N, C-alpha and C. Protein backbone atom coordinates (compact mmCIF):
# COMPACT_ATOMS: atom_id res chain seq x y z
N UNK A 1 85.21 272.30 -123.36
CA UNK A 1 84.62 272.56 -122.05
C UNK A 1 83.28 273.28 -122.20
N UNK A 2 83.11 274.01 -123.28
CA UNK A 2 81.88 274.80 -123.47
C UNK A 2 80.63 273.91 -123.46
N UNK A 3 80.67 272.80 -124.19
CA UNK A 3 79.54 271.89 -124.24
C UNK A 3 79.23 271.29 -122.88
N UNK A 4 80.27 270.96 -122.15
CA UNK A 4 80.15 270.41 -120.80
C UNK A 4 79.43 271.40 -119.89
N UNK A 5 79.83 272.67 -119.95
CA UNK A 5 79.21 273.71 -119.12
C UNK A 5 77.76 273.95 -119.51
N UNK A 6 77.48 273.99 -120.80
CA UNK A 6 76.10 274.22 -121.25
C UNK A 6 75.20 273.06 -120.84
N UNK A 7 75.70 271.84 -120.92
CA UNK A 7 74.91 270.68 -120.48
C UNK A 7 74.63 270.77 -118.98
N UNK A 8 75.63 271.19 -118.21
CA UNK A 8 75.46 271.33 -116.75
C UNK A 8 74.38 272.37 -116.44
N UNK A 9 74.33 273.44 -117.23
CA UNK A 9 73.29 274.47 -117.04
C UNK A 9 71.92 273.88 -117.36
N UNK A 10 71.80 273.25 -118.52
CA UNK A 10 70.51 272.72 -118.97
C UNK A 10 69.96 271.67 -118.00
N UNK A 11 70.84 270.78 -117.52
CA UNK A 11 70.40 269.67 -116.68
C UNK A 11 70.51 269.96 -115.19
N UNK A 12 70.99 271.18 -114.86
CA UNK A 12 71.16 271.60 -113.46
C UNK A 12 72.00 270.59 -112.67
N UNK A 13 73.09 270.15 -113.29
CA UNK A 13 74.01 269.19 -112.68
C UNK A 13 75.04 269.96 -111.86
N UNK A 14 75.19 269.68 -110.57
CA UNK A 14 76.26 270.33 -109.81
C UNK A 14 77.62 269.82 -110.28
N UNK A 15 78.59 270.71 -110.33
CA UNK A 15 79.95 270.35 -110.74
C UNK A 15 80.91 270.61 -109.60
N UNK A 16 81.97 269.84 -109.55
CA UNK A 16 83.03 270.07 -108.57
C UNK A 16 84.17 270.81 -109.28
N UNK A 17 84.62 271.88 -108.67
CA UNK A 17 85.64 272.72 -109.28
C UNK A 17 86.82 272.90 -108.34
N UNK A 18 88.01 272.89 -108.91
CA UNK A 18 89.21 273.31 -108.18
C UNK A 18 89.62 274.63 -108.82
N UNK A 19 89.81 275.65 -107.97
CA UNK A 19 89.96 277.02 -108.43
C UNK A 19 91.16 277.69 -107.77
N UNK A 20 91.87 278.49 -108.55
CA UNK A 20 93.00 279.27 -108.05
C UNK A 20 92.56 280.73 -107.96
N UNK A 21 92.45 281.25 -106.74
CA UNK A 21 91.98 282.63 -106.54
C UNK A 21 93.06 283.64 -106.91
N UNK A 22 92.68 284.90 -106.96
CA UNK A 22 93.63 285.95 -107.33
C UNK A 22 94.77 286.09 -106.32
N UNK A 23 94.55 285.65 -105.08
CA UNK A 23 95.63 285.68 -104.08
C UNK A 23 96.36 284.33 -103.99
N UNK A 24 96.22 283.53 -105.07
CA UNK A 24 96.94 282.26 -105.22
C UNK A 24 96.54 281.17 -104.23
N UNK A 25 95.32 281.23 -103.71
CA UNK A 25 94.79 280.19 -102.84
C UNK A 25 93.99 279.20 -103.68
N UNK A 26 94.20 277.92 -103.43
CA UNK A 26 93.45 276.89 -104.14
C UNK A 26 92.26 276.48 -103.28
N UNK A 27 91.09 276.40 -103.92
CA UNK A 27 89.90 275.95 -103.19
C UNK A 27 89.15 274.94 -104.04
N UNK A 28 88.36 274.12 -103.37
CA UNK A 28 87.51 273.18 -104.05
C UNK A 28 86.07 273.55 -103.74
N UNK A 29 85.25 273.65 -104.77
CA UNK A 29 83.86 274.09 -104.61
C UNK A 29 82.93 273.14 -105.34
N UNK A 30 81.70 273.10 -104.90
CA UNK A 30 80.64 272.42 -105.64
C UNK A 30 79.71 273.53 -106.12
N UNK A 31 79.43 273.56 -107.42
CA UNK A 31 78.71 274.66 -108.04
C UNK A 31 77.52 274.19 -108.85
N UNK A 32 76.56 275.08 -108.99
CA UNK A 32 75.49 274.91 -109.97
C UNK A 32 75.65 276.08 -110.94
N UNK A 33 76.09 275.76 -112.15
CA UNK A 33 76.40 276.78 -113.15
C UNK A 33 75.11 277.47 -113.59
N UNK A 34 75.14 278.80 -113.64
CA UNK A 34 73.97 279.58 -114.05
C UNK A 34 74.20 280.31 -115.37
N UNK A 35 75.45 280.76 -115.62
CA UNK A 35 75.73 281.56 -116.81
C UNK A 35 77.20 281.38 -117.19
N UNK A 36 77.44 281.34 -118.51
CA UNK A 36 78.80 281.20 -119.02
C UNK A 36 79.01 282.27 -120.07
N UNK A 37 80.13 282.98 -119.99
CA UNK A 37 80.50 283.89 -121.07
C UNK A 37 81.98 283.72 -121.37
N UNK A 38 82.56 284.55 -122.19
CA UNK A 38 83.94 284.39 -122.63
C UNK A 38 84.97 284.29 -121.52
N UNK A 39 84.86 285.13 -120.51
CA UNK A 39 85.88 285.19 -119.47
C UNK A 39 85.43 284.67 -118.11
N UNK A 40 84.13 284.65 -117.86
CA UNK A 40 83.63 284.34 -116.52
C UNK A 40 82.56 283.27 -116.52
N UNK A 41 82.41 282.65 -115.36
CA UNK A 41 81.31 281.72 -115.10
C UNK A 41 80.60 282.23 -113.86
N UNK A 42 79.27 282.37 -113.95
CA UNK A 42 78.47 282.71 -112.77
C UNK A 42 77.82 281.43 -112.30
N UNK A 43 77.92 281.17 -111.01
CA UNK A 43 77.40 279.92 -110.47
C UNK A 43 76.97 280.11 -109.03
N UNK A 44 76.04 279.26 -108.62
CA UNK A 44 75.67 279.22 -107.21
C UNK A 44 76.65 278.29 -106.52
N UNK A 45 77.37 278.82 -105.54
CA UNK A 45 78.37 278.05 -104.80
C UNK A 45 77.69 277.39 -103.61
N UNK A 46 77.71 276.06 -103.59
CA UNK A 46 77.08 275.33 -102.49
C UNK A 46 77.87 275.45 -101.20
N UNK A 47 79.16 275.78 -101.27
CA UNK A 47 79.98 276.00 -100.08
C UNK A 47 79.61 277.32 -99.40
N UNK A 48 79.58 278.40 -100.18
CA UNK A 48 79.29 279.73 -99.64
C UNK A 48 77.80 280.05 -99.58
N UNK A 49 77.00 279.23 -100.27
CA UNK A 49 75.55 279.42 -100.33
C UNK A 49 75.16 280.78 -100.90
N UNK A 50 75.83 281.14 -102.01
CA UNK A 50 75.52 282.39 -102.69
C UNK A 50 76.06 282.35 -104.12
N UNK A 51 75.56 283.27 -104.94
CA UNK A 51 76.04 283.39 -106.31
C UNK A 51 77.47 283.93 -106.28
N UNK A 52 78.32 283.35 -107.12
CA UNK A 52 79.72 283.79 -107.22
C UNK A 52 80.10 283.87 -108.70
N UNK A 53 81.12 284.68 -108.97
CA UNK A 53 81.67 284.81 -110.32
C UNK A 53 83.10 284.28 -110.29
N UNK A 54 83.42 283.42 -111.25
CA UNK A 54 84.74 282.80 -111.33
C UNK A 54 85.36 283.09 -112.68
N UNK A 55 86.65 283.44 -112.67
CA UNK A 55 87.38 283.65 -113.92
C UNK A 55 87.67 282.30 -114.55
N UNK A 56 87.33 282.14 -115.81
CA UNK A 56 87.53 280.86 -116.48
C UNK A 56 88.99 280.45 -116.50
N UNK A 57 89.88 281.42 -116.66
CA UNK A 57 91.32 281.09 -116.73
C UNK A 57 91.87 280.61 -115.40
N UNK A 58 91.15 280.81 -114.31
CA UNK A 58 91.60 280.39 -112.98
C UNK A 58 91.02 279.04 -112.55
N UNK A 59 90.20 278.44 -113.40
CA UNK A 59 89.64 277.12 -113.09
C UNK A 59 90.69 276.07 -113.44
N UNK A 60 91.12 275.32 -112.43
CA UNK A 60 92.13 274.29 -112.64
C UNK A 60 91.50 272.96 -113.04
N UNK A 61 90.30 272.69 -112.54
CA UNK A 61 89.62 271.44 -112.83
C UNK A 61 88.13 271.64 -112.65
N UNK A 62 87.36 270.98 -113.51
CA UNK A 62 85.91 271.05 -113.42
C UNK A 62 85.38 269.67 -113.79
N UNK A 63 84.74 269.01 -112.83
CA UNK A 63 84.31 267.63 -113.00
C UNK A 63 82.87 267.45 -112.57
N UNK A 64 82.20 266.42 -113.13
CA UNK A 64 80.87 266.09 -112.60
C UNK A 64 81.02 265.56 -111.19
N UNK A 65 79.96 265.58 -110.40
CA UNK A 65 80.06 265.10 -109.02
C UNK A 65 80.45 263.63 -108.99
N UNK A 66 81.11 263.23 -107.93
CA UNK A 66 81.50 261.83 -107.77
C UNK A 66 80.26 260.98 -107.62
N UNK A 67 80.25 259.89 -108.32
CA UNK A 67 79.13 258.97 -108.27
C UNK A 67 79.37 257.92 -107.19
N UNK A 68 78.32 257.56 -106.49
CA UNK A 68 78.44 256.47 -105.52
C UNK A 68 78.51 255.17 -106.30
N UNK A 69 79.32 254.21 -105.86
CA UNK A 69 79.43 252.96 -106.59
C UNK A 69 78.09 252.21 -106.58
N UNK A 70 77.80 251.57 -107.69
CA UNK A 70 76.57 250.80 -107.81
C UNK A 70 76.75 249.46 -107.13
N UNK A 71 75.86 249.13 -106.23
CA UNK A 71 75.91 247.87 -105.52
C UNK A 71 74.75 247.00 -105.97
N UNK A 72 74.99 245.73 -106.20
CA UNK A 72 73.94 244.79 -106.64
C UNK A 72 73.10 244.37 -105.48
């Protein structure tokens, strides 16, 4: 996952995340990753429109944005 996160930072690719909060609520967010360290990820949350810190162990899924199908 480390390489995936670093590439997202370098290329400024928004990622879709499913996250389990400390009060056991599941949320889905679209993020622009800014910083990665051992335990946390700092990212700009497009839902809340502000910088947020997420615990890496609470990330359930992290995917590139959905691509629109290519039409000929």
